[in-house]
Amino acid sequence: MSEDSQTCDLANRKCVPCHGGVPPLGADEIGQFLGELRDWEVVEGHHLKKSYAFPNFQQSLALVNRIGEVAEAEGHHPDICFGWGRVEVTIYTHAINGLSESDFILAAKIDAL
């Protein structure tokens, strides 16, 4: 299976709400899911992070708006920082203060935009 088809498979899944009471993903699970994404990094085993560069503010804002639409549809909301020519997305599951499968699903959906 190619990397693109793996990402597509993950992107076709649905985020599942987490209300806590479950542990964050372990290193093995994180590594497996991370291999299905493009250019995301795991920071301190706690969150996913990816940066995008654009030639202007308008294109940065357009990505932020598309991410917002996906996040609302999934009920899973990333932290987004943006400005002229840049967007930085941080994803983790707040209820467990770490990473869940839904974080990787949302990242794959963002990659598919």
PDB file of N, CA and C in Angstrom:
ATOM      1  N   MET A   1       0.857  -1.190   0.000  1.00  0.00           N
ATOM      2  CA  MET A   1       0.000   0.000   0.000  1.00  0.00           C
ATOM      3  C   MET A   1       0.887   1.232   0.000  1.00  0.00           C
ATOM      4  N   SER A   2       0.598   2.173  -0.851  1.00  0.00           N
ATOM      5  CA  SER A   2       1.411   3.391  -0.934  1.00  0.00           C
ATOM      6  C   SER A   2       1.091   4.328   0.223  1.00  0.00           C
ATOM      7  N   GLU A   3       1.994   5.287   0.463  1.00  0.00           N
ATOM      8  CA  GLU A   3       1.772   6.272   1.533  1.00  0.00           C
ATOM      9  C   GLU A   3       0.492   7.051   1.297  1.00  0.00           C
ATOM     10  N   ASP A   4       0.235   7.437   0.022  1.00  0.00           N
ATOM     11  CA  ASP A   4      -0.965   8.212  -0.269  1.00  0.00           C
ATOM     12  C   ASP A   4      -2.227   7.425   0.033  1.00  0.00           C
ATOM     13  N   SER A   5      -2.245   6.119  -0.266  1.00  0.00           N
ATOM     14  CA  SER A   5      -3.449   5.342   0.017  1.00  0.00           C
ATOM     15  C   SER A   5      -3.613   5.122   1.512  1.00  0.00           C
ATOM     16  N   GLN A   6      -2.506   5.015   2.264  1.00  0.00           N
ATOM     17  CA  GLN A   6      -2.610   4.898   3.716  1.00  0.00           C
ATOM     18  C   GLN A   6      -3.197   6.171   4.312  1.00  0.00           C
ATOM     19  N   THR A   7      -2.705   7.322   3.868  1.00  0.00           N
ATOM     20  CA  THR A   7      -3.220   8.597   4.361  1.00  0.00           C
ATOM     21  C   THR A   7      -4.691   8.721   4.018  1.00  0.00           C
ATOM     22  N   CYS A   8      -5.049   8.312   2.814  1.00  0.00           N
ATOM     23  CA  CYS A   8      -6.440   8.370   2.380  1.00  0.00           C
ATOM     24  C   CYS A   8      -7.306   7.495   3.288  1.00  0.00           C
ATOM     25  N   ASP A   9      -6.813   6.298   3.646  1.00  0.00           N
ATOM     26  CA  ASP A   9      -7.567   5.415   4.529  1.00  0.00           C
ATOM     27  C   ASP A   9      -7.795   6.079   5.887  1.00  0.00           C
ATOM     28  N   LEU A  10      -6.772   6.649   6.450  1.00  0.00           N
ATOM     29  CA  LEU A  10      -6.896   7.331   7.736  1.00  0.00           C
ATOM     30  C   LEU A  10      -7.833   8.528   7.604  1.00  0.00           C
ATOM     31  N   ALA A  11      -7.740   9.248   6.500  1.00  0.00           N
ATOM     32  CA  ALA A  11      -8.592  10.420   6.281  1.00  0.00           C
ATOM     33  C   ALA A  11     -10.058  10.045   6.103  1.00  0.00           C
ATOM     34  N   ASN A  12     -10.330   8.818   5.732  1.00  0.00           N
ATOM     35  CA  ASN A  12     -11.715   8.374   5.545  1.00  0.00           C
ATOM     36  C   ASN A  12     -12.380   7.925   6.844  1.00  0.00           C
ATOM     37  N   ARG A  13     -11.620   7.841   7.907  1.00  0.00           N
ATOM     38  CA  ARG A  13     -12.189   7.468   9.207  1.00  0.00           C
ATOM     39  C   ARG A  13     -12.859   8.687   9.838  1.00  0.00           C
ATOM     40  N   LYS A  14     -13.605   8.459  10.877  1.00  0.00           N
ATOM     41  CA  LYS A  14     -14.330   9.522  11.582  1.00  0.00           C
ATOM     42  C   LYS A  14     -13.705   9.725  12.965  1.00  0.00           C
ATOM     43  N   CYS A  15     -13.519  10.968  13.361  1.00  0.00           N
ATOM     44  CA  CYS A  15     -13.051  11.264  14.716  1.00  0.00           C
ATOM     45  C   CYS A  15     -14.109  10.823  15.716  1.00  0.00           C
ATOM     46  N   VAL A  16     -13.639  10.253  16.817  1.00  0.00           N
ATOM     47  CA  VAL A  16     -14.535   9.785  17.870  1.00  0.00           C
ATOM     48  C   VAL A  16     -14.315  10.665  19.096  1.00  0.00           C
ATOM     49  N   PRO A  17     -15.392  11.260  19.626  1.00  0.00           N
ATOM     50  CA  PRO A  17     -15.233  12.115  20.803  1.00  0.00           C
ATOM     51  C   PRO A  17     -14.595  11.358  21.969  1.00  0.00           C
ATOM     52  N   CYS A  18     -13.704  12.009  22.662  1.00  0.00           N
ATOM     53  CA  CYS A  18     -13.043  11.428  23.828  1.00  0.00           C
ATOM     54  C   CYS A  18     -13.415  12.266  25.042  1.00  0.00           C
ATOM     55  N   HIS A  19     -13.930  11.606  26.043  1.00  0.00           N
ATOM     56  CA  HIS A  19     -14.334  12.308  27.263  1.00  0.00           C
ATOM     57  C   HIS A  19     -13.410  11.985  28.429  1.00  0.00           C
ATOM     58  N   GLY A  20     -12.246  11.449  28.110  1.00  0.00           N
ATOM     59  CA  GLY A  20     -11.288  11.110  29.144  1.00  0.00           C
ATOM     60  C   GLY A  20     -11.445   9.676  29.595  1.00  0.00           C
ATOM     61  N   GLY A  21     -10.681   9.308  30.607  1.00  0.00           N
ATOM     62  CA  GLY A  21     -10.773   7.973  31.165  1.00  0.00           C
ATOM     63  C   GLY A  21     -10.012   6.912  30.392  1.00  0.00           C
ATOM     64  N   VAL A  22      -9.330   7.307  29.307  1.00  0.00           N
ATOM     65  CA  VAL A  22      -8.499   6.377  28.547  1.00  0.00           C
ATOM     66  C   VAL A  22      -7.096   6.971  28.470  1.00  0.00           C
ATOM     67  N   PRO A  23      -6.089   6.121  28.411  1.00  0.00           N
ATOM     68  CA  PRO A  23      -4.728   6.667  28.334  1.00  0.00           C
ATOM     69  C   PRO A  23      -4.415   7.199  26.941  1.00  0.00           C
ATOM     70  N   PRO A  24      -3.510   8.153  26.860  1.00  0.00           N
ATOM     71  CA  PRO A  24      -3.037   8.605  25.547  1.00  0.00           C
ATOM     72  C   PRO A  24      -2.335   7.446  24.831  1.00  0.00           C
ATOM     73  N   LEU A  25      -2.177   7.566  23.543  1.00  0.00           N
ATOM     74  CA  LEU A  25      -1.487   6.535  22.766  1.00  0.00           C
ATOM     75  C   LEU A  25      -0.048   6.391  23.230  1.00  0.00           C
ATOM     76  N   GLY A  26       0.452   5.165  23.158  1.00  0.00           N
ATOM     77  CA  GLY A  26       1.844   4.896  23.474  1.00  0.00           C
ATOM     78  C   GLY A  26       2.737   5.123  22.273  1.00  0.00           C
ATOM     79  N   ALA A  27       4.029   5.017  22.486  1.00  0.00           N
ATOM     80  CA  ALA A  27       5.015   5.299  21.438  1.00  0.00           C
ATOM     81  C   ALA A  27       4.828   4.408  20.216  1.00  0.00           C
ATOM     82  N   ASP A  28       4.533   3.128  20.400  1.00  0.00           N
ATOM     83  CA  ASP A  28       4.360   2.223  19.261  1.00  0.00           C
ATOM     84  C   ASP A  28       3.169   2.630  18.405  1.00  0.00           C
ATOM     85  N   GLU A  29       2.055   2.936  19.061  1.00  0.00           N
ATOM     86  CA  GLU A  29       0.849   3.356  18.326  1.00  0.00           C
ATOM     87  C   GLU A  29       1.087   4.691  17.622  1.00  0.00           C
ATOM     88  N   ILE A  30       1.739   5.605  18.309  1.00  0.00           N
ATOM     89  CA  ILE A  30       2.057   6.910  17.713  1.00  0.00           C
ATOM     90  C   ILE A  30       2.902   6.717  16.459  1.00  0.00           C
ATOM     91  N   GLY A  31       3.918   5.885  16.553  1.00  0.00           N
ATOM     92  CA  GLY A  31       4.789   5.628  15.414  1.00  0.00           C
ATOM     93  C   GLY A  31       4.047   5.039  14.230  1.00  0.00           C
ATOM     94  N   GLN A  32       3.132   4.134  14.516  1.00  0.00           N
ATOM     95  CA  GLN A  32       2.350   3.509  13.446  1.00  0.00           C
ATOM     96  C   GLN A  32       1.487   4.545  12.735  1.00  0.00           C
ATOM     97  N   PHE A  33       0.751   5.338  13.494  1.00  0.00           N
ATOM     98  CA  PHE A  33      -0.116   6.358  12.891  1.00  0.00           C
ATOM     99  C   PHE A  33       0.690   7.457  12.197  1.00  0.00           C
ATOM    100  N   LEU A  34       1.806   7.861  12.808  1.00  0.00           N
ATOM    101  CA  LEU A  34       2.625   8.923  12.235  1.00  0.00           C
ATOM    102  C   LEU A  34       3.128   8.530  10.848  1.00  0.00           C
ATOM    103  N   GLY A  35       3.403   7.258  10.651  1.00  0.00           N
ATOM    104  CA  GLY A  35       3.849   6.768   9.356  1.00  0.00           C
ATOM    105  C   GLY A  35       2.807   6.923   8.261  1.00  0.00           C
ATOM    106  N   GLU A  36       1.572   7.198   8.641  1.00  0.00           N
ATOM    107  CA  GLU A  36       0.491   7.375   7.672  1.00  0.00           C
ATOM    108  C   GLU A  36       0.249   8.845   7.323  1.00  0.00           C
ATOM    109  N   LEU A  37       1.009   9.752   7.935  1.00  0.00           N
ATOM    110  CA  LEU A  37       0.831  11.196   7.696  1.00  0.00           C
ATOM    111  C   LEU A  37       1.990  11.757   6.892  1.00  0.00           C
ATOM    112  N   ARG A  38       1.794  12.960   6.356  1.00  0.00           N
ATOM    113  CA  ARG A  38       2.834  13.644   5.586  1.00  0.00           C
ATOM    114  C   ARG A  38       3.354  14.854   6.361  1.00  0.00           C
ATOM    115  N   ASP A  39       4.598  14.770   6.785  1.00  0.00           N
ATOM    116  CA  ASP A  39       5.329  15.910   7.351  1.00  0.00           C
ATOM    117  C   ASP A  39       4.809  16.434   8.687  1.00  0.00           C
ATOM    118  N   TRP A  40       4.068  15.640   9.423  1.00  0.00           N
ATOM    119  CA  TRP A  40       3.669  16.022  10.778  1.00  0.00           C
ATOM    120  C   TRP A  40       4.763  15.560  11.723  1.00  0.00           C
ATOM    121  N   GLU A  41       4.948  16.283  12.811  1.00  0.00           N
ATOM    122  CA  GLU A  41       5.893  15.841  13.835  1.00  0.00           C
ATOM    123  C   GLU A  41       5.156  15.639  15.146  1.00  0.00           C
ATOM    124  N   VAL A  42       5.657  14.702  15.924  1.00  0.00           N
ATOM    125  CA  VAL A  42       5.131  14.487  17.267  1.00  0.00           C
ATOM    126  C   VAL A  42       6.061  15.223  18.218  1.00  0.00           C
ATOM    127  N   VAL A  43       5.486  16.080  19.038  1.00  0.00           N
ATOM    128  CA  VAL A  43       6.271  16.886  19.969  1.00  0.00           C
ATOM    129  C   VAL A  43       6.086  16.314  21.374  1.00  0.00           C
ATOM    130  N   GLU A  44       7.203  15.849  21.941  1.00  0.00           N
ATOM    131  CA  GLU A  44       7.240  15.330  23.308  1.00  0.00           C
ATOM    132  C   GLU A  44       6.201  14.244  23.558  1.00  0.00           C
ATOM    133  N   GLY A  45       5.844  13.490  22.528  1.00  0.00           N
ATOM    134  CA  GLY A  45       4.860  12.418  22.679  1.00  0.00           C
ATOM    135  C   GLY A  45       3.483  12.923  23.059  1.00  0.00           C
ATOM    136  N   HIS A  46       3.269  14.236  22.948  1.00  0.00           N
ATOM    137  CA  HIS A  46       2.053  14.854  23.457  1.00  0.00           C
ATOM    138  C   HIS A  46       1.120  15.396  22.382  1.00  0.00           C
ATOM    139  N   HIS A  47       1.690  15.987  21.323  1.00  0.00           N
ATOM    140  CA  HIS A  47       0.843  16.586  20.300  1.00  0.00           C
ATOM    141  C   HIS A  47       1.481  16.500  18.921  1.00  0.00           C
ATOM    142  N   LEU A  48       0.630  16.647  17.925  1.00  0.00           N
ATOM    143  CA  LEU A  48       1.071  16.708  16.535  1.00  0.00           C
ATOM    144  C   LEU A  48       1.225  18.161  16.134  1.00  0.00           C
ATOM    145  N   LYS A  49       2.186  18.413  15.263  1.00  0.00           N
ATOM    146  CA  LYS A  49       2.420  19.788  14.834  1.00  0.00           C
ATOM    147  C   LYS A  49       2.860  19.780  13.375  1.00  0.00           C
ATOM    148  N   LYS A  50       2.333  20.750  12.626  1.00  0.00           N
ATOM    149  CA  LYS A  50       2.738  20.917  11.234  1.00  0.00           C
ATOM    150  C   LYS A  50       2.642  22.388  10.868  1.00  0.00           C
ATOM    151  N   SER A  51       3.608  22.852  10.082  1.00  0.00           N
ATOM    152  CA  SER A  51       3.624  24.239   9.620  1.00  0.00           C
ATOM    153  C   SER A  51       3.477  24.272   8.103  1.00  0.00           C
ATOM    154  N   TYR A  52       2.810  25.304   7.625  1.00  0.00           N
ATOM    155  CA  TYR A  52       2.599  25.523   6.200  1.00  0.00           C
ATOM    156  C   TYR A  52       3.079  26.925   5.869  1.00  0.00           C
ATOM    157  N   ALA A  53       3.666  27.085   4.685  1.00  0.00           N
ATOM    158  CA  ALA A  53       4.118  28.404   4.224  1.00  0.00           C
ATOM    159  C   ALA A  53       3.334  28.800   2.975  1.00  0.00           C
ATOM    160  N   PHE A  54       3.010  30.081   2.901  1.00  0.00           N
ATOM    161  CA  PHE A  54       2.254  30.632   1.774  1.00  0.00           C
ATOM    162  C   PHE A  54       2.867  31.963   1.357  1.00  0.00           C
ATOM    163  N   PRO A  55       2.580  32.396   0.138  1.00  0.00           N
ATOM    164  CA  PRO A  55       3.147  33.656  -0.325  1.00  0.00           C
ATOM    165  C   PRO A  55       2.420  34.900   0.172  1.00  0.00           C
ATOM    166  N   ASN A  56       1.287  34.706   0.893  1.00  0.00           N
ATOM    167  CA  ASN A  56       0.544  35.887   1.338  1.00  0.00           C
ATOM    168  C   ASN A  56      -0.419  35.531   2.474  1.00  0.00           C
ATOM    169  N   PHE A  57      -1.029  36.535   3.025  1.00  0.00           N
ATOM    170  CA  PHE A  57      -1.975  36.364   4.132  1.00  0.00           C
ATOM    171  C   PHE A  57      -3.248  35.660   3.673  1.00  0.00           C
ATOM    172  N   GLN A  58      -3.749  36.019   2.499  1.00  0.00           N
ATOM    173  CA  GLN A  58      -5.018  35.484   2.002  1.00  0.00           C
ATOM    174  C   GLN A  58      -4.990  33.960   1.898  1.00  0.00           C
ATOM    175  N   GLN A  59      -3.903  33.396   1.392  1.00  0.00           N
ATOM    176  CA  GLN A  59      -3.822  31.939   1.268  1.00  0.00           C
ATOM    177  C   GLN A  59      -3.699  31.271   2.637  1.00  0.00           C
ATOM    178  N   SER A  60      -3.015  31.925   3.562  1.00  0.00           N
ATOM    179  CA  SER A  60      -2.946  31.396   4.931  1.00  0.00           C
ATOM    180  C   SER A  60      -4.340  31.349   5.541  1.00  0.00           C
ATOM    181  N   LEU A  61      -5.070  32.432   5.405  1.00  0.00           N
ATOM    182  CA  LEU A  61      -6.425  32.502   5.948  1.00  0.00           C
ATOM    183  C   LEU A  61      -7.336  31.464   5.296  1.00  0.00           C
ATOM    184  N   ALA A  62      -7.177  31.251   3.996  1.00  0.00           N
ATOM    185  CA  ALA A  62      -8.007  30.270   3.295  1.00  0.00           C
ATOM    186  C   ALA A  62      -7.790  28.873   3.871  1.00  0.00           C
ATOM    187  N   LEU A  63      -6.537  28.506   4.168  1.00  0.00           N
ATOM    188  CA  LEU A  63      -6.281  27.194   4.771  1.00  0.00           C
ATOM    189  C   LEU A  63      -6.904  27.118   6.158  1.00  0.00           C
ATOM    190  N   VAL A  64      -6.751  28.165   6.946  1.00  0.00           N
ATOM    191  CA  VAL A  64      -7.338  28.186   8.290  1.00  0.00           C
ATOM    192  C   VAL A  64      -8.855  27.952   8.207  1.00  0.00           C
ATOM    193  N   ASN A  65      -9.503  28.609   7.266  1.00  0.00           N
ATOM    194  CA  ASN A  65     -10.953  28.438   7.122  1.00  0.00           C
ATOM    195  C   ASN A  65     -11.323  27.018   6.705  1.00  0.00           C
ATOM    196  N   ARG A  66     -10.545  26.419   5.802  1.00  0.00           N
ATOM    197  CA  ARG A  66     -10.824  25.030   5.390  1.00  0.00           C
ATOM    198  C   ARG A  66     -10.597  24.072   6.553  1.00  0.00           C
ATOM    199  N   ILE A  67      -9.541  24.292   7.317  1.00  0.00           N
ATOM    200  CA  ILE A  67      -9.291  23.453   8.501  1.00  0.00           C
ATOM    201  C   ILE A  67     -10.445  23.600   9.485  1.00  0.00           C
ATOM    202  N   GLY A  68     -10.922  24.829   9.678  1.00  0.00           N
ATOM    203  CA  GLY A  68     -12.039  25.067  10.583  1.00  0.00           C
ATOM    204  C   GLY A  68     -13.288  24.311  10.174  1.00  0.00           C
ATOM    205  N   GLU A  69     -13.566  24.255   8.883  1.00  0.00           N
ATOM    206  CA  GLU A  69     -14.731  23.513   8.397  1.00  0.00           C
ATOM    207  C   GLU A  69     -14.599  22.022   8.689  1.00  0.00           C
ATOM    208  N   VAL A  70     -13.419  21.466   8.450  1.00  0.00           N
ATOM    209  CA  VAL A  70     -13.182  20.048   8.730  1.00  0.00           C
ATOM    210  C   VAL A  70     -13.293  19.787  10.236  1.00  0.00           C
ATOM    211  N   ALA A  71     -12.694  20.662  11.028  1.00  0.00           N
ATOM    212  CA  ALA A  71     -12.719  20.488  12.483  1.00  0.00           C
ATOM    213  C   ALA A  71     -14.150  20.497  13.015  1.00  0.00           C
ATOM    214  N   GLU A  72     -14.966  21.409  12.529  1.00  0.00           N
ATOM    215  CA  GLU A  72     -16.367  21.465  12.962  1.00  0.00           C
ATOM    216  C   GLU A  72     -17.118  20.208  12.551  1.00  0.00           C
ATOM    217  N   ALA A  73     -16.886  19.739  11.335  1.00  0.00           N
ATOM    218  CA  ALA A  73     -17.567  18.531  10.858  1.00  0.00           C
ATOM    219  C   ALA A  73     -17.171  17.315  11.673  1.00  0.00           C
ATOM    220  N   GLU A  74     -15.927  17.288  12.152  1.00  0.00           N
ATOM    221  CA  GLU A  74     -15.437  16.147  12.929  1.00  0.00           C
ATOM    222  C   GLU A  74     -15.672  16.300  14.433  1.00  0.00           C
ATOM    223  N   GLY A  75     -15.989  17.503  14.867  1.00  0.00           N
ATOM    224  CA  GLY A  75     -16.142  17.724  16.306  1.00  0.00           C
ATOM    225  C   GLY A  75     -14.822  17.583  17.052  1.00  0.00           C
ATOM    226  N   HIS A  76     -13.730  17.878  16.362  1.00  0.00           N
ATOM    227  CA  HIS A  76     -12.385  17.742  16.944  1.00  0.00           C
ATOM    228  C   HIS A  76     -11.593  18.958  16.479  1.00  0.00           C
ATOM    229  N   HIS A  77     -11.148  19.782  17.415  1.00  0.00           N
ATOM    230  CA  HIS A  77     -10.662  21.119  17.075  1.00  0.00           C
ATOM    231  C   HIS A  77      -9.182  21.304  17.402  1.00  0.00           C
ATOM    232  N   PRO A  78      -8.383  21.611  16.377  1.00  0.00           N
ATOM    233  CA  PRO A  78      -6.957  21.857  16.597  1.00  0.00           C
ATOM    234  C   PRO A  78      -6.712  23.284  17.080  1.00  0.00           C
ATOM    235  N   ASP A  79      -5.514  23.508  17.556  1.00  0.00           N
ATOM    236  CA  ASP A  79      -5.056  24.862  17.828  1.00  0.00           C
ATOM    237  C   ASP A  79      -4.391  25.347  16.543  1.00  0.00           C
ATOM    238  N   ILE A  80      -4.751  26.537  16.099  1.00  0.00           N
ATOM    239  CA  ILE A  80      -4.225  27.076  14.851  1.00  0.00           C
ATOM    240  C   ILE A  80      -3.645  28.455  15.119  1.00  0.00           C
ATOM    241  N   CYS A  81      -2.409  28.644  14.682  1.00  0.00           N
ATOM    242  CA  CYS A  81      -1.757  29.947  14.765  1.00  0.00           C
ATOM    243  C   CYS A  81      -1.410  30.341  13.334  1.00  0.00           C
ATOM    244  N   PHE A  82      -1.798  31.547  12.943  1.00  0.00           N
ATOM    245  CA  PHE A  82      -1.480  31.941  11.576  1.00  0.00           C
ATOM    246  C   PHE A  82      -1.220  33.429  11.488  1.00  0.00           C
ATOM    247  N   GLY A  83      -0.604  33.786  10.395  1.00  0.00           N
ATOM    248  CA  GLY A  83      -0.306  35.178  10.103  1.00  0.00           C
ATOM    249  C   GLY A  83       0.099  35.282   8.644  1.00  0.00           C
ATOM    250  N   TRP A  84       0.718  36.368   8.289  1.00  0.00           N
ATOM    251  CA  TRP A  84       1.107  36.574   6.901  1.00  0.00           C
ATOM    252  C   TRP A  84       2.027  35.444   6.459  1.00  0.00           C
ATOM    253  N   GLY A  85       1.564  34.634   5.507  1.00  0.00           N
ATOM    254  CA  GLY A  85       2.386  33.607   4.890  1.00  0.00           C
ATOM    255  C   GLY A  85       2.647  32.360   5.705  1.00  0.00           C
ATOM    256  N   ARG A  86       1.934  32.171   6.815  1.00  0.00           N
ATOM    257  CA  ARG A  86       2.221  30.976   7.620  1.00  0.00           C
ATOM    258  C   ARG A  86       0.983  30.492   8.364  1.00  0.00           C
ATOM    259  N   VAL A  87       0.938  29.186   8.551  1.00  0.00           N
ATOM    260  CA  VAL A  87      -0.088  28.541   9.373  1.00  0.00           C
ATOM    261  C   VAL A  87       0.614  27.443  10.155  1.00  0.00           C
ATOM    262  N   GLU A  88       0.348  27.376  11.449  1.00  0.00           N
ATOM    263  CA  GLU A  88       0.871  26.300  12.281  1.00  0.00           C
ATOM    264  C   GLU A  88      -0.307  25.622  12.964  1.00  0.00           C
ATOM    265  N   VAL A  89      -0.389  24.306  12.810  1.00  0.00           N
ATOM    266  CA  VAL A  89      -1.491  23.533  13.368  1.00  0.00           C
ATOM    267  C   VAL A  89      -0.944  22.616  14.450  1.00  0.00           C
ATOM    268  N   THR A  90      -1.593  22.618  15.607  1.00  0.00           N
ATOM    269  CA  THR A  90      -1.243  21.734  16.717  1.00  0.00           C
ATOM    270  C   THR A  90      -2.492  20.946  17.075  1.00  0.00           C
ATOM    271  N   ILE A  91      -2.337  19.624  17.178  1.00  0.00           N
ATOM    272  CA  ILE A  91      -3.476  18.761  17.471  1.00  0.00           C
ATOM    273  C   ILE A  91      -3.137  17.838  18.633  1.00  0.00           C
ATOM    274  N   TYR A  92      -4.028  17.778  19.601  1.00  0.00           N
ATOM    275  CA  TYR A  92      -3.984  16.743  20.637  1.00  0.00           C
ATOM    276  C   TYR A  92      -5.362  16.653  21.264  1.00  0.00           C
ATOM    277  N   THR A  93      -5.578  15.610  22.022  1.00  0.00           N
ATOM    278  CA  THR A  93      -6.876  15.404  22.661  1.00  0.00           C
ATOM    279  C   THR A  93      -6.807  15.978  24.066  1.00  0.00           C
ATOM    280  N   HIS A  94      -7.486  17.090  24.260  1.00  0.00           N
ATOM    281  CA  HIS A  94      -7.431  17.801  25.534  1.00  0.00           C
ATOM    282  C   HIS A  94      -7.929  16.945  26.697  1.00  0.00           C
ATOM    283  N   ALA A  95      -8.950  16.121  26.473  1.00  0.00           N
ATOM    284  CA  ALA A  95      -9.550  15.336  27.557  1.00  0.00           C
ATOM    285  C   ALA A  95      -8.582  14.332  28.164  1.00  0.00           C
ATOM    286  N   ILE A  96      -7.563  13.915  27.397  1.00  0.00           N
ATOM    287  CA  ILE A  96      -6.576  12.972  27.930  1.00  0.00           C
ATOM    288  C   ILE A  96      -5.180  13.591  27.979  1.00  0.00           C
ATOM    289  N   ASN A  97      -5.085  14.871  27.609  1.00  0.00           N
ATOM    290  CA  ASN A  97      -3.821  15.601  27.619  1.00  0.00           C
ATOM    291  C   ASN A  97      -2.717  14.840  26.872  1.00  0.00           C
ATOM    292  N   GLY A  98      -3.091  14.336  25.690  1.00  0.00           N
ATOM    293  CA  GLY A  98      -2.136  13.598  24.878  1.00  0.00           C
ATOM    294  C   GLY A  98      -2.766  13.234  23.548  1.00  0.00           C
ATOM    295  N   LEU A  99      -2.167  12.268  22.885  1.00  0.00           N
ATOM    296  CA  LEU A  99      -2.613  11.890  21.550  1.00  0.00           C
ATOM    297  C   LEU A  99      -3.586  10.719  21.557  1.00  0.00           C
ATOM    298  N   SER A 100      -4.594  10.824  20.700  1.00  0.00           N
ATOM    299  CA  SER A 100      -5.550   9.744  20.470  1.00  0.00           C
ATOM    300  C   SER A 100      -5.589   9.468  18.970  1.00  0.00           C
ATOM    301  N   GLU A 101      -6.232   8.386  18.588  1.00  0.00           N
ATOM    302  CA  GLU A 101      -6.364   8.056  17.174  1.00  0.00           C
ATOM    303  C   GLU A 101      -7.042   9.199  16.408  1.00  0.00           C
ATOM    304  N   SER A 102      -8.008   9.856  17.028  1.00  0.00           N
ATOM    305  CA  SER A 102      -8.715  10.950  16.363  1.00  0.00           C
ATOM    306  C   SER A 102      -7.786  12.090  15.955  1.00  0.00           C
ATOM    307  N   ASP A 103      -6.721  12.299  16.697  1.00  0.00           N
ATOM    308  CA  ASP A 103      -5.764  13.342  16.336  1.00  0.00           C
ATOM    309  C   ASP A 103      -5.110  13.033  14.987  1.00  0.00           C
ATOM    310  N   PHE A 104      -4.778  11.781  14.774  1.00  0.00           N
ATOM    311  CA  PHE A 104      -4.159  11.372  13.522  1.00  0.00           C
ATOM    312  C   PHE A 104      -5.177  11.388  12.382  1.00  0.00           C
ATOM    313  N   ILE A 105      -6.414  11.059  12.689  1.00  0.00           N
ATOM    314  CA  ILE A 105      -7.473  11.130  11.683  1.00  0.00           C
ATOM    315  C   ILE A 105      -7.643  12.576  11.225  1.00  0.00           C
ATOM    316  N   LEU A 106      -7.714  13.505  12.175  1.00  0.00           N
ATOM    317  CA  LEU A 106      -7.867  14.914  11.811  1.00  0.00           C
ATOM    318  C   LEU A 106      -6.663  15.401  11.012  1.00  0.00           C
ATOM    319  N   ALA A 107      -5.469  15.012  11.405  1.00  0.00           N
ATOM    320  CA  ALA A 107      -4.276  15.409  10.660  1.00  0.00           C
ATOM    321  C   ALA A 107      -4.340  14.903   9.219  1.00  0.00           C
ATOM    322  N   ALA A 108      -4.776  13.674   9.033  1.00  0.00           N
ATOM    323  CA  ALA A 108      -4.901  13.123   7.673  1.00  0.00           C
ATOM    324  C   ALA A 108      -5.947  13.870   6.868  1.00  0.00           C
ATOM    325  N   LYS A 109      -7.043  14.255   7.515  1.00  0.00           N
ATOM    326  CA  LYS A 109      -8.071  15.032   6.825  1.00  0.00           C
ATOM    327  C   LYS A 109      -7.535  16.401   6.423  1.00  0.00           C
ATOM    328  N   ILE A 110      -6.721  17.007   7.260  1.00  0.00           N
ATOM    329  CA  ILE A 110      -6.100  18.290   6.926  1.00  0.00           C
ATOM    330  C   ILE A 110      -5.147  18.099   5.758  1.00  0.00           C
ATOM    331  N   ASP A 111      -4.364  17.017   5.765  1.00  0.00           N
ATOM    332  CA  ASP A 111      -3.460  16.735   4.650  1.00  0.00           C
ATOM    333  C   ASP A 111      -4.225  16.590   3.331  1.00  0.00           C
ATOM    334  N   ALA A 112      -5.449  16.113   3.402  1.00  0.00           N
ATOM    335  CA  ALA A 112      -6.244  15.868   2.192  1.00  0.00           C
ATOM    336  C   ALA A 112      -6.866  17.138   1.619  1.00  0.00           C
ATOM    337  N   LEU A 113      -6.769  18.263   2.335  1.00  0.00           N
ATOM    338  CA  LEU A 113      -7.370  19.509   1.843  1.00  0.00           C
ATOM    339  C   LEU A 113      -6.667  20.019   0.593  1.00  0.00           C
TER     340      LEU A 113
END
